[in-house]
Amino acid sequence: MADHTVDARGLQCPMPVIKLSQAIMTAQPGETVELISTDRGSCSDVPAWAADMGHALEEQFEIDNEFHFVLVRS
């Protein structure tokens, strides 16, 4: 279970990444943030954003057309 969860279901690009960015800034280094998105573009956007920002993408999976990403704040 993640320390923080961002529910971006129903939002389209770029909003899932914007919501994730806002949430990860409130997390402490080492804490985890889970993003739940229904936007398929998140599957490429989130890993690229995490790499650019230096955060670790710990998990990425899909359940019932919802995309889940668990990141560790650097």
Protein backbone atom coordinates (compact mmCIF):
# COMPACT_ATOMS: atom_id res chain seq x y z
CA MET A 1 0.00 0.00 0.00
CA ALA A 2 1.30 3.43 -0.98
CA ASP A 3 1.76 6.30 1.47
CA HIS A 4 -0.28 8.61 -0.80
CA THR A 5 -2.85 7.92 -3.55
CA VAL A 6 -3.82 10.14 -6.47
CA ASP A 7 -7.14 9.34 -8.13
CA ALA A 8 -6.93 10.69 -11.68
CA ARG A 9 -9.61 8.44 -13.15
CA GLY A 10 -11.57 10.21 -15.87
CA LEU A 11 -8.89 12.86 -16.42
CA GLN A 12 -7.09 13.20 -19.74
CA CYS A 13 -3.51 14.19 -20.52
CA PRO A 14 -1.81 16.15 -19.05
CA MET A 15 -3.91 16.16 -15.86
CA PRO A 16 -2.86 12.76 -14.43
CA VAL A 17 0.81 13.81 -14.50
CA ILE A 18 -0.02 17.27 -13.13
CA LYS A 19 -1.98 15.72 -10.23
CA LEU A 20 0.88 13.27 -9.62
CA SER A 21 3.42 16.09 -9.65
CA GLN A 22 1.41 18.05 -7.08
CA ALA A 23 1.02 15.02 -4.81
CA ILE A 24 4.63 13.91 -4.96
CA MET A 25 5.75 17.36 -3.82
CA THR A 26 3.81 16.88 -0.57
CA ALA A 27 5.43 13.46 0.04
CA GLN A 28 8.65 13.06 1.97
CA PRO A 29 11.72 11.55 0.25
CA GLY A 30 11.35 7.77 0.26
CA GLU A 31 7.56 7.82 0.56
CA THR A 32 5.44 6.19 -2.13
CA VAL A 33 2.73 7.77 -4.25
CA GLU A 34 0.25 5.69 -6.25
CA LEU A 35 -1.44 7.19 -9.30
CA ILE A 36 -4.63 5.59 -10.62
CA SER A 37 -5.51 6.73 -14.13
CA THR A 38 -7.87 5.72 -16.93
CA ASP A 39 -5.88 7.67 -19.54
CA ARG A 40 -3.87 5.16 -21.62
CA GLY A 41 -1.36 7.92 -22.38
CA SER A 42 -0.28 7.71 -18.75
CA CYS A 43 1.44 4.41 -19.57
CA SER A 44 4.15 6.32 -21.42
CA ASP A 45 3.81 9.74 -19.76
CA VAL A 46 4.30 8.65 -16.14
CA PRO A 47 7.48 6.57 -16.65
CA ALA A 48 9.01 9.37 -18.75
CA TRP A 49 8.06 12.02 -16.18
CA ALA A 50 9.42 9.92 -13.30
CA ALA A 51 12.73 9.41 -15.10
CA ASP A 52 13.01 13.12 -15.92
CA MET A 53 12.26 14.12 -12.32
CA GLY A 54 14.48 11.47 -10.73
CA HIS A 55 11.71 9.52 -8.98
CA ALA A 56 11.73 5.72 -9.04
CA LEU A 57 8.85 3.93 -10.73
CA GLU A 58 8.43 0.97 -8.39
CA GLU A 59 5.37 -0.65 -10.00
CA GLN A 60 3.18 -0.25 -13.07
CA PHE A 61 0.17 -2.45 -13.72
CA GLU A 62 -3.35 -2.46 -15.16
CA ILE A 63 -6.56 -3.69 -13.51
CA ASP A 64 -9.91 -3.43 -15.29
CA ASN A 65 -8.78 -0.65 -17.68
CA GLU A 66 -7.30 1.37 -14.82
CA PHE A 67 -3.58 2.05 -14.88
CA HIS A 68 -1.71 2.03 -11.58
CA PHE A 69 1.72 3.52 -10.99
CA VAL A 70 3.62 3.44 -7.70
CA LEU A 71 6.49 5.88 -7.45
CA VAL A 72 9.06 6.53 -4.74
CA ARG A 73 9.84 10.18 -4.18
CA SER A 74 13.54 10.91 -4.51
